[in-house]
Amino acid sequence: MNQPDDTITLFCSVGPGEYRLVEQSGFRAFPPRSGQPMFYPVLTEAFALKIAHEWIIPDLKVAYVTRFKVRRAFLSRYPVDNAGGKDLDEYWIPAADLPEFNKNIVGLIEVIRQFHAAG
């Protein structure tokens, strides 16, 4: 049985299309991102909210912030990268590794916030 220190809690903001695919997986997997060589889960809810508000909502008008746990042993092969500011830490998971990443999600992907553009 996994102990709390066996996993790391991560966050990911997604638009409506990606959300539907996560939902279709039974909230167990993230889909490949077309044209993106990396998957970027982040370490804080605040960073996920920033992504939702600054990039997803202006472009797609709807954003979902998800929270999920990943096995620490799996993540240990990837360094934490900083996206250029305090508390802007993320993992860069190569797209080719996404299926294995998904297998290392413990439990379900939770939607913790949902936003719709005004107007």
Protein backbone atom coordinates (compact mmCIF):
# COMPACT_ATOMS: atom_id res chain seq x y z
CA MET A 1 0.00 0.00 0.00
CA ASN A 2 1.31 3.46 -0.86
CA GLN A 3 2.34 5.71 2.00
CA PRO A 4 1.84 9.47 1.60
CA ASP A 5 5.56 9.95 0.89
CA ASP A 6 5.41 7.42 -1.96
CA THR A 7 3.59 9.93 -4.17
CA ILE A 8 3.91 13.55 -5.24
CA THR A 9 0.80 15.68 -5.75
CA LEU A 10 0.81 17.51 -9.08
CA PHE A 11 -1.56 19.83 -10.91
CA CYS A 12 -2.42 20.36 -14.56
CA SER A 13 -4.68 22.88 -16.25
CA VAL A 14 -6.59 21.68 -19.29
CA GLY A 15 -9.06 23.06 -21.80
CA PRO A 16 -12.44 21.54 -22.66
CA GLY A 17 -11.20 19.11 -25.32
CA GLU A 18 -8.46 17.69 -23.14
CA TYR A 19 -10.90 17.56 -20.21
CA ARG A 20 -13.29 15.38 -22.24
CA LEU A 21 -10.45 12.96 -22.99
CA VAL A 22 -9.45 12.80 -19.32
CA GLU A 23 -13.10 12.15 -18.48
CA GLN A 24 -13.30 9.39 -21.13
CA SER A 25 -10.30 7.71 -19.47
CA GLY A 26 -12.31 7.46 -16.25
CA PHE A 27 -10.14 10.26 -14.82
CA ARG A 28 -7.12 7.96 -14.93
CA ALA A 29 -5.00 9.36 -17.78
CA PHE A 30 -3.97 12.48 -19.65
CA PRO A 31 -4.14 12.37 -23.46
CA PRO A 32 -1.18 13.16 -25.70
CA ARG A 33 -0.98 16.86 -26.54
CA SER A 34 -0.90 17.36 -30.28
CA GLY A 35 2.27 19.07 -31.42
CA GLN A 36 3.79 19.31 -27.93
CA PRO A 37 6.98 17.34 -27.27
CA MET A 38 6.49 17.57 -23.49
CA PHE A 39 3.77 17.20 -20.88
CA TYR A 40 4.15 19.81 -18.11
CA PRO A 41 2.50 18.93 -14.80
CA VAL A 42 3.16 21.61 -12.18
CA LEU A 43 3.92 21.42 -8.47
CA THR A 44 1.51 24.02 -7.11
CA GLU A 45 -2.14 24.83 -7.47
CA ALA A 46 -1.20 28.52 -7.78
CA PHE A 47 0.90 27.80 -10.88
CA ALA A 48 -1.92 25.72 -12.39
CA LEU A 49 -4.34 28.60 -11.77
CA LYS A 50 -1.93 31.02 -13.46
CA ILE A 51 -1.79 28.77 -16.53
CA ALA A 52 -5.59 28.49 -16.61
CA HIS A 53 -6.14 32.25 -16.35
CA GLU A 54 -3.29 33.47 -18.56
CA TRP A 55 -3.27 30.92 -21.36
CA ILE A 56 -6.24 28.57 -21.46
CA ILE A 57 -9.19 30.86 -20.69
CA PRO A 58 -8.18 33.62 -23.15
CA ASP A 59 -7.74 31.02 -25.89
CA LEU A 60 -10.43 28.39 -25.19
CA LYS A 61 -12.82 30.28 -22.84
CA VAL A 62 -13.02 27.32 -20.42
CA ALA A 63 -10.36 25.82 -18.16
CA TYR A 64 -10.21 23.01 -15.64
CA VAL A 65 -7.55 22.67 -12.96
CA THR A 66 -6.79 19.08 -12.01
CA ARG A 67 -4.95 17.53 -9.07
CA PHE A 68 -3.49 14.05 -9.00
CA LYS A 69 -0.80 11.93 -7.36
CA VAL A 70 2.11 10.28 -9.16
CA ARG A 71 4.52 7.69 -7.79
CA ARG A 72 7.62 9.42 -6.49
CA ALA A 73 9.85 6.60 -7.79
CA PHE A 74 8.67 7.26 -11.35
CA LEU A 75 9.11 11.04 -11.10
CA SER A 76 12.61 10.66 -9.65
CA ARG A 77 14.03 10.19 -13.15
CA TYR A 78 12.93 13.72 -14.15
CA PRO A 79 14.34 16.95 -12.73
CA VAL A 80 12.06 19.71 -11.52
CA ASP A 81 12.34 22.69 -13.87
CA ASN A 82 11.55 26.30 -13.07
CA ALA A 83 9.48 28.25 -15.59
CA GLY A 84 11.00 31.57 -14.63
CA GLY A 85 9.72 32.63 -11.25
CA LYS A 86 9.03 31.87 -7.62
CA ASP A 87 6.72 28.84 -7.26
CA LEU A 88 6.71 28.18 -11.02
CA ASP A 89 8.10 24.66 -10.79
CA GLU A 90 7.12 21.90 -13.18
CA TYR A 91 8.17 18.55 -14.55
CA TRP A 92 8.97 18.13 -18.22
CA ILE A 93 7.71 14.67 -19.18
CA PRO A 94 8.62 13.72 -22.77
CA ALA A 95 5.51 12.96 -24.82
CA ALA A 96 6.85 9.45 -25.47
CA ASP A 97 6.81 8.83 -21.69
CA LEU A 98 3.19 9.96 -21.18
CA PRO A 99 1.70 6.43 -21.30
CA GLU A 100 4.10 5.32 -18.53
CA PHE A 101 3.41 8.55 -16.61
CA ASN A 102 -0.31 7.75 -16.75
CA LYS A 103 0.33 4.24 -15.40
CA ASN A 104 2.04 5.86 -12.41
CA ILE A 105 -0.90 8.05 -11.46
CA VAL A 106 -2.20 6.81 -8.11
CA GLY A 107 -5.95 7.14 -7.76
CA LEU A 108 -8.06 9.45 -9.88
CA ILE A 109 -7.40 12.79 -11.52
CA GLU A 110 -9.57 15.26 -9.60
CA VAL A 111 -11.04 18.43 -11.09
CA ILE A 112 -10.56 21.00 -8.33
CA ARG A 113 -11.47 24.19 -10.22
CA GLN A 114 -13.46 25.08 -13.32
CA PHE A 115 -13.50 28.48 -15.01
CA HIS A 116 -15.56 30.05 -17.81
CA ALA A 117 -14.65 33.32 -19.51
CA ALA A 118 -17.06 36.13 -18.76
CA GLY A 119 -19.28 37.28 -21.57
